[in-house]
Amino acid sequence: MKTKYTEYRNLDLTKIGKDIQSYWKEHNTFEKSLELTKGKAPYIFYEGPPSANGIPGIHHVMARTIKDIFCRYKTMKGFYVSRKAGWDTHGLPIEIGVEKKLGITKEDIGKKISIEDYNKECRSEVMKYKDLWDELTVQMGYWLNLDDPYITYENKYIDRYGIFSAGFMKKAFFTRATLSSHIHPQPEQALVHTSLISPGHIKTVKDNTVVAQFKVINDARSDFLFKDLFGDVYFLAWTTTPWTLPSNTGLAVGKDIIYLLIKTYNPYTFREQNGHYGQRSASPVPA
């Protein structure tokens, strides 16, 4: 039996893409790939997830193409790849946007607007561009189960995350550490990177830099350097991020860097002291 193939005399990638999509839709190709591998070894895949409160861009197409390659490859190798979609419904940028839209502040919640209505407005805002995301998913041929996504604001997701975290804590997989974080002054909430770079949330300002002093501990390891010196010796480190100093745990120095010992005065106490700084590279950097 001979197989007939469509002959394309003029390359029209847009038409080819639409033809393939129509074929997949007509023959339920994605669904059949799941039927053929049902019961086989699973390859677990959960989408990103993206945030539907922003419009998708070309970088999302690139990242999703790479993810799709792995899922298709594993499917071809006989694995069952269900490809669960998901939505990241991060809170603070949405809350700020809703409050600006409604002309309210955090203090007005429960007074001018009920908590239920406020949450409803936030849920609506966070899924603002879901239709565009679904359309892009289909257009780029990204096979994904959009009918049963996990959504981070749903209680069942939050409950499962709590159970998962509790299990990690019992097995001592979590460690306590000190770190610095930007804080939003109004809700007194930590800001993640995506919050900081959101349009309208930041502005350029001038700020001071800090030269921090790290006192050298005189012990067996440093006596050969400082045994003939009198007084305290400090390493000087310049930083443009002074808010990280409270969580600082060490100082990065280099064995191939030439350091200079300078007798000067302490800019805070105005007393004489000795200090080291790197000559062939930038000053030591707080770790």
Protein backbone atom coordinates (compact mmCIF):
# COMPACT_ATOMS: atom_id res chain seq x y z
CA MET A 1 0.00 0.00 0.00
CA LYS A 2 1.44 3.32 -1.05
CA THR A 3 1.17 6.31 1.27
CA LYS A 4 0.22 9.64 -0.24
CA TYR A 5 1.99 12.72 1.04
CA THR A 6 0.89 16.28 0.43
CA GLU A 7 3.27 18.03 -1.95
CA TYR A 8 4.09 21.62 -1.05
CA ARG A 9 5.34 23.53 -4.10
CA ASN A 10 5.61 26.82 -2.24
CA LEU A 11 6.83 26.82 1.36
CA ASP A 12 4.14 28.42 3.52
CA LEU A 13 5.06 27.73 7.15
CA THR A 14 1.94 29.42 8.50
CA LYS A 15 -0.31 27.16 6.39
CA ILE A 16 1.73 24.07 7.24
CA GLY A 17 1.37 24.87 10.94
CA LYS A 18 -2.39 25.29 10.63
CA ASP A 19 -2.70 22.07 8.62
CA ILE A 20 -0.81 20.11 11.27
CA GLN A 21 -2.88 21.64 14.08
CA SER A 22 -6.09 20.74 12.24
CA TYR A 23 -4.84 17.17 11.75
CA TRP A 24 -3.93 16.83 15.45
CA LYS A 25 -7.32 18.21 16.49
CA GLU A 26 -9.27 16.04 14.07
CA HIS A 27 -7.48 12.83 15.05
CA ASN A 28 -7.05 13.62 18.78
CA THR A 29 -3.33 12.98 18.39
CA PHE A 30 -2.33 14.20 21.86
CA GLU A 31 -5.06 12.19 23.55
CA LYS A 32 -4.13 9.09 21.55
CA SER A 33 -0.48 9.43 22.62
CA LEU A 34 -1.73 9.16 26.21
CA GLU A 35 -3.98 6.18 25.43
CA LEU A 36 -1.13 4.30 23.75
CA THR A 37 1.18 4.74 26.75
CA LYS A 38 -1.39 4.41 29.55
CA GLY A 39 -0.15 2.01 32.22
CA LYS A 40 3.48 2.41 31.14
CA ALA A 41 6.21 3.92 33.35
CA PRO A 42 5.27 7.56 34.05
CA TYR A 43 7.43 10.55 33.23
CA ILE A 44 6.17 13.29 35.55
CA PHE A 45 5.85 16.75 34.04
CA TYR A 46 4.26 19.83 35.61
CA GLU A 47 4.14 23.06 33.65
CA GLY A 48 6.26 25.98 34.87
CA PRO A 49 3.90 27.47 35.82
CA PRO A 50 3.46 30.84 34.06
CA SER A 51 1.54 33.78 35.48
CA ALA A 52 -1.64 34.56 33.56
CA ASN A 53 -1.74 38.18 34.75
CA GLY A 54 0.87 39.08 32.09
CA ILE A 55 0.85 38.77 28.31
CA PRO A 56 3.02 35.90 26.97
CA GLY A 57 6.10 36.76 24.93
CA ILE A 58 8.56 35.12 22.53
CA HIS A 59 10.74 33.96 25.46
CA HIS A 60 7.83 31.85 26.68
CA VAL A 61 7.62 30.20 23.26
CA MET A 62 11.33 29.37 23.40
CA ALA A 63 11.19 27.91 26.91
CA ARG A 64 8.03 25.90 26.18
CA THR A 65 9.53 24.49 22.98
CA ILE A 66 12.44 23.06 24.97
CA LYS A 67 10.07 21.55 27.54
CA ASP A 68 7.90 20.07 24.78
CA ILE A 69 10.92 18.39 23.20
CA PHE A 70 11.61 16.41 26.38
CA CYS A 71 7.96 15.40 26.77
CA ARG A 72 7.70 14.23 23.15
CA TYR A 73 10.97 12.33 23.39
CA LYS A 74 9.88 10.52 26.54
CA THR A 75 6.51 9.71 24.94
CA MET A 76 8.29 8.24 21.93
CA LYS A 77 10.40 6.13 24.31
CA GLY A 78 7.20 4.63 25.72
CA PHE A 79 6.70 6.66 28.88
CA TYR A 80 3.31 7.95 30.00
CA VAL A 81 3.62 11.75 30.03
CA SER A 82 0.38 13.39 31.21
CA ARG A 83 1.75 16.97 30.95
CA LYS A 84 -0.20 18.80 33.63
CA ALA A 85 -0.74 22.52 33.07
CA GLY A 86 -0.49 25.01 35.91
CA TRP A 87 -0.89 28.68 36.83
CA ASP A 88 1.24 30.71 39.19
CA THR A 89 -1.02 33.15 41.04
CA HIS A 90 1.58 35.13 42.98
CA GLY A 91 -0.05 37.52 45.42
CA LEU A 92 1.52 40.89 46.13
CA PRO A 93 1.68 42.41 42.60
CA ILE A 94 -1.93 41.36 42.08
CA GLU A 95 -3.02 42.80 45.42
CA ILE A 96 -1.31 46.12 44.69
CA GLY A 97 -2.90 46.25 41.23
CA VAL A 98 -6.38 45.49 42.58
CA GLU A 99 -6.06 48.06 45.36
CA LYS A 100 -4.97 50.68 42.85
CA LYS A 101 -7.85 49.76 40.55
CA LEU A 102 -10.44 49.97 43.35
CA GLY A 103 -8.85 52.97 45.06
CA ILE A 104 -8.38 51.22 48.39
CA THR A 105 -5.56 50.28 50.77
CA LYS A 106 -4.91 47.23 52.92
CA GLU A 107 -6.66 48.96 55.83
CA ASP A 108 -9.90 49.18 53.78
CA ILE A 109 -10.19 45.39 53.39
CA GLY A 110 -12.99 44.21 55.62
CA LYS A 111 -14.36 47.75 55.86
CA LYS A 112 -14.96 49.28 52.42
CA ILE A 113 -14.80 45.87 50.74
CA SER A 114 -15.38 42.41 52.17
CA ILE A 115 -12.56 39.88 52.26
CA GLU A 116 -14.60 37.59 49.98
CA ASP A 117 -15.11 40.31 47.35
CA TYR A 118 -11.47 41.35 47.60
CA ASN A 119 -10.28 37.77 47.04
CA LYS A 120 -12.73 37.39 44.15
CA GLU A 121 -11.34 40.52 42.49
CA CYS A 122 -7.77 39.24 42.94
CA ARG A 123 -8.65 35.84 41.44
CA SER A 124 -10.17 37.58 38.43
CA GLU A 125 -7.17 39.87 37.97
CA VAL A 126 -4.58 37.10 38.27
CA MET A 127 -6.20 35.13 35.41
CA LYS A 128 -6.65 38.23 33.24
CA TYR A 129 -4.81 36.89 30.18
CA LYS A 130 -5.49 33.16 30.53
CA ASP A 131 -7.27 33.09 27.13
CA LEU A 132 -4.15 34.48 25.42
CA TRP A 133 -2.00 31.84 27.11
CA ASP A 134 -4.36 29.04 26.05
CA GLU A 135 -4.37 30.37 22.49
CA LEU A 136 -0.58 30.52 22.40
CA THR A 137 -0.34 26.98 23.77
CA VAL A 138 -2.45 25.64 20.90
CA GLN A 139 -0.84 27.81 18.20
CA MET A 140 2.70 26.72 19.02
CA GLY A 141 1.71 23.05 19.18
CA TYR A 142 2.61 22.71 22.85
CA TRP A 143 0.84 19.55 24.06
CA LEU A 144 -0.47 20.28 27.53
CA ASN A 145 -3.48 19.18 29.57
CA LEU A 146 -5.24 22.53 29.94
CA ASP A 147 -8.49 20.97 31.20
CA ASP A 148 -7.15 20.03 34.64
CA PRO A 149 -4.46 22.56 35.66
CA TYR A 150 -3.10 23.08 39.14
CA ILE A 151 -3.65 26.64 40.36
CA THR A 152 -1.61 27.94 43.26
CA TYR A 153 -4.47 29.87 44.88
CA GLU A 154 -6.71 26.81 45.20
CA ASN A 155 -7.04 25.34 48.67
CA LYS A 156 -6.29 21.81 47.47
CA TYR A 157 -2.95 23.02 46.10
CA ILE A 158 -2.16 24.96 49.29
CA ASP A 159 -3.09 21.93 51.44
CA ARG A 160 -0.88 19.60 49.41
CA TYR A 161 1.98 22.07 49.60
CA GLY A 162 1.56 22.21 53.39
CA ILE A 163 1.62 18.42 53.67
CA PHE A 164 4.65 18.25 51.39
CA SER A 165 6.52 20.89 53.44
CA ALA A 166 5.63 19.18 56.73
CA GLY A 167 7.09 15.94 55.39
CA PHE A 168 10.31 17.72 54.49
CA MET A 169 10.51 19.25 57.97
CA LYS A 170 10.04 15.86 59.67
CA LYS A 171 12.88 14.42 57.60
CA ALA A 172 15.05 17.45 58.47
CA PHE A 173 15.42 18.43 54.80
CA PHE A 174 14.95 22.09 55.70
CA THR A 175 17.72 24.15 57.26
CA ARG A 176 17.45 27.49 59.01
CA ALA A 177 19.45 30.32 57.48
CA THR A 178 19.65 34.10 57.65
CA LEU A 179 19.15 36.11 54.50
CA SER A 180 18.26 39.60 53.46
CA SER A 181 15.08 40.50 51.64
CA HIS A 182 13.41 43.63 50.31
CA ILE A 183 10.26 44.47 52.27
CA HIS A 184 7.19 46.26 50.97
CA PRO A 185 6.39 48.86 53.67
CA GLN A 186 2.61 48.82 53.34
CA PRO A 187 1.67 45.14 53.79
CA GLU A 188 5.04 44.50 55.53
CA GLN A 189 5.64 41.65 53.13
CA ALA A 190 8.80 40.28 51.54
CA LEU A 191 9.30 41.13 47.86
CA VAL A 192 10.47 38.54 45.36
CA HIS A 193 12.44 39.43 42.24
CA THR A 194 9.35 39.46 40.02
CA SER A 195 7.71 41.97 42.36
CA LEU A 196 10.71 44.26 42.19
CA ILE A 197 10.86 44.36 38.39
CA SER A 198 7.11 44.74 37.82
CA PRO A 199 6.26 47.96 35.93
CA GLY A 200 5.51 50.87 38.22
CA HIS A 201 6.86 49.15 41.32
CA ILE A 202 10.40 50.54 41.25
CA LYS A 203 12.13 53.79 40.49
CA THR A 204 15.76 54.84 40.18
CA VAL A 205 17.12 56.55 43.30
CA LYS A 206 20.54 57.58 44.56
CA ASP A 207 21.82 55.69 47.58
CA ASN A 208 24.94 55.57 49.71
CA THR A 209 27.54 52.84 49.50
CA VAL A 210 29.30 51.40 52.54
CA VAL A 211 32.85 50.38 53.34
CA ALA A 212 32.60 47.62 55.94
CA GLN A 213 35.39 46.63 58.30
CA PHE A 214 36.12 42.97 59.02
CA LYS A 215 38.35 42.51 62.04
CA VAL A 216 41.18 39.98 61.67
CA ILE A 217 41.17 37.34 64.41
CA ASN A 218 44.75 36.81 65.58
CA ASP A 219 45.32 33.08 65.96
CA ALA A 220 47.79 30.48 64.77
CA ARG A 221 46.70 31.01 61.17
CA SER A 222 47.29 34.76 61.13
CA ASP A 223 50.18 35.24 63.61
CA PHE A 224 52.73 34.95 60.81
CA LEU A 225 51.10 37.97 59.16
CA PHE A 226 50.36 40.18 62.12
CA LYS A 227 52.51 39.04 65.05
CA ASP A 228 54.72 42.14 64.83
CA LEU A 229 51.82 44.56 64.56
CA PHE A 230 50.14 46.46 67.33
CA GLY A 231 46.45 47.15 67.51
CA ASP A 232 43.57 45.73 65.53
CA VAL A 233 43.81 44.94 61.82
CA TYR A 234 40.79 45.08 59.51
CA PHE A 235 39.99 44.03 55.99
CA LEU A 236 38.02 46.70 54.17
CA ALA A 237 35.19 45.68 51.85
CA TRP A 238 33.17 48.07 49.70
CA THR A 239 29.56 47.17 49.02
CA THR A 240 26.72 48.80 47.12
CA THR A 241 24.19 46.53 48.85
CA PRO A 242 24.54 47.40 52.56
CA TRP A 243 21.20 45.78 53.38
CA THR A 244 22.86 42.39 52.89
CA LEU A 245 25.41 42.98 55.67
CA PRO A 246 23.18 41.77 58.55
CA SER A 247 23.15 38.30 56.97
CA ASN A 248 26.82 38.33 55.99
CA THR A 249 28.66 35.15 56.96
CA GLY A 250 32.15 35.68 55.60
CA LEU A 251 34.54 37.62 53.42
CA ALA A 252 35.90 36.50 50.05
CA VAL A 253 39.67 36.94 49.73
CA GLY A 254 42.07 35.63 47.11
CA LYS A 255 45.40 33.87 47.55
CA ASP A 256 46.73 35.39 44.30
CA ILE A 257 45.79 38.97 45.21
CA ILE A 258 48.41 41.33 46.58
CA TYR A 259 47.13 43.05 49.72
CA LEU A 260 48.51 46.27 51.15
CA LEU A 261 48.82 46.97 54.87
CA ILE A 262 48.04 50.61 55.52
CA LYS A 263 48.22 52.49 58.79
CA THR A 264 45.37 54.94 58.83
CA TYR A 265 42.49 55.95 61.08
CA ASN A 266 39.13 54.37 61.76
CA PRO A 267 36.49 56.52 60.02
CA TYR A 268 34.00 55.69 62.76
CA THR A 269 36.15 56.02 65.92
CA PHE A 270 38.83 58.32 64.41
CA ARG A 271 41.52 56.23 66.11
CA GLU A 272 44.63 54.98 64.35
CA GLN A 273 44.43 51.46 62.98
CA ASN A 274 45.87 49.10 60.36
CA GLY A 275 43.90 48.01 57.30
CA HIS A 276 44.28 45.65 54.33
CA TYR A 277 42.88 45.98 50.84
CA GLY A 278 43.51 44.25 47.51
CA GLN A 279 45.88 45.93 45.05
CA ARG A 280 45.38 43.91 41.87
CA SER A 281 41.64 43.43 42.06
CA ALA A 282 38.53 44.91 43.59
CA SER A 283 38.34 45.15 47.35
CA PRO A 284 37.31 41.98 49.18
CA VAL A 285 33.63 41.29 48.67
CA PRO A 286 31.17 40.34 51.45
CA ALA A 287 29.97 36.77 50.92
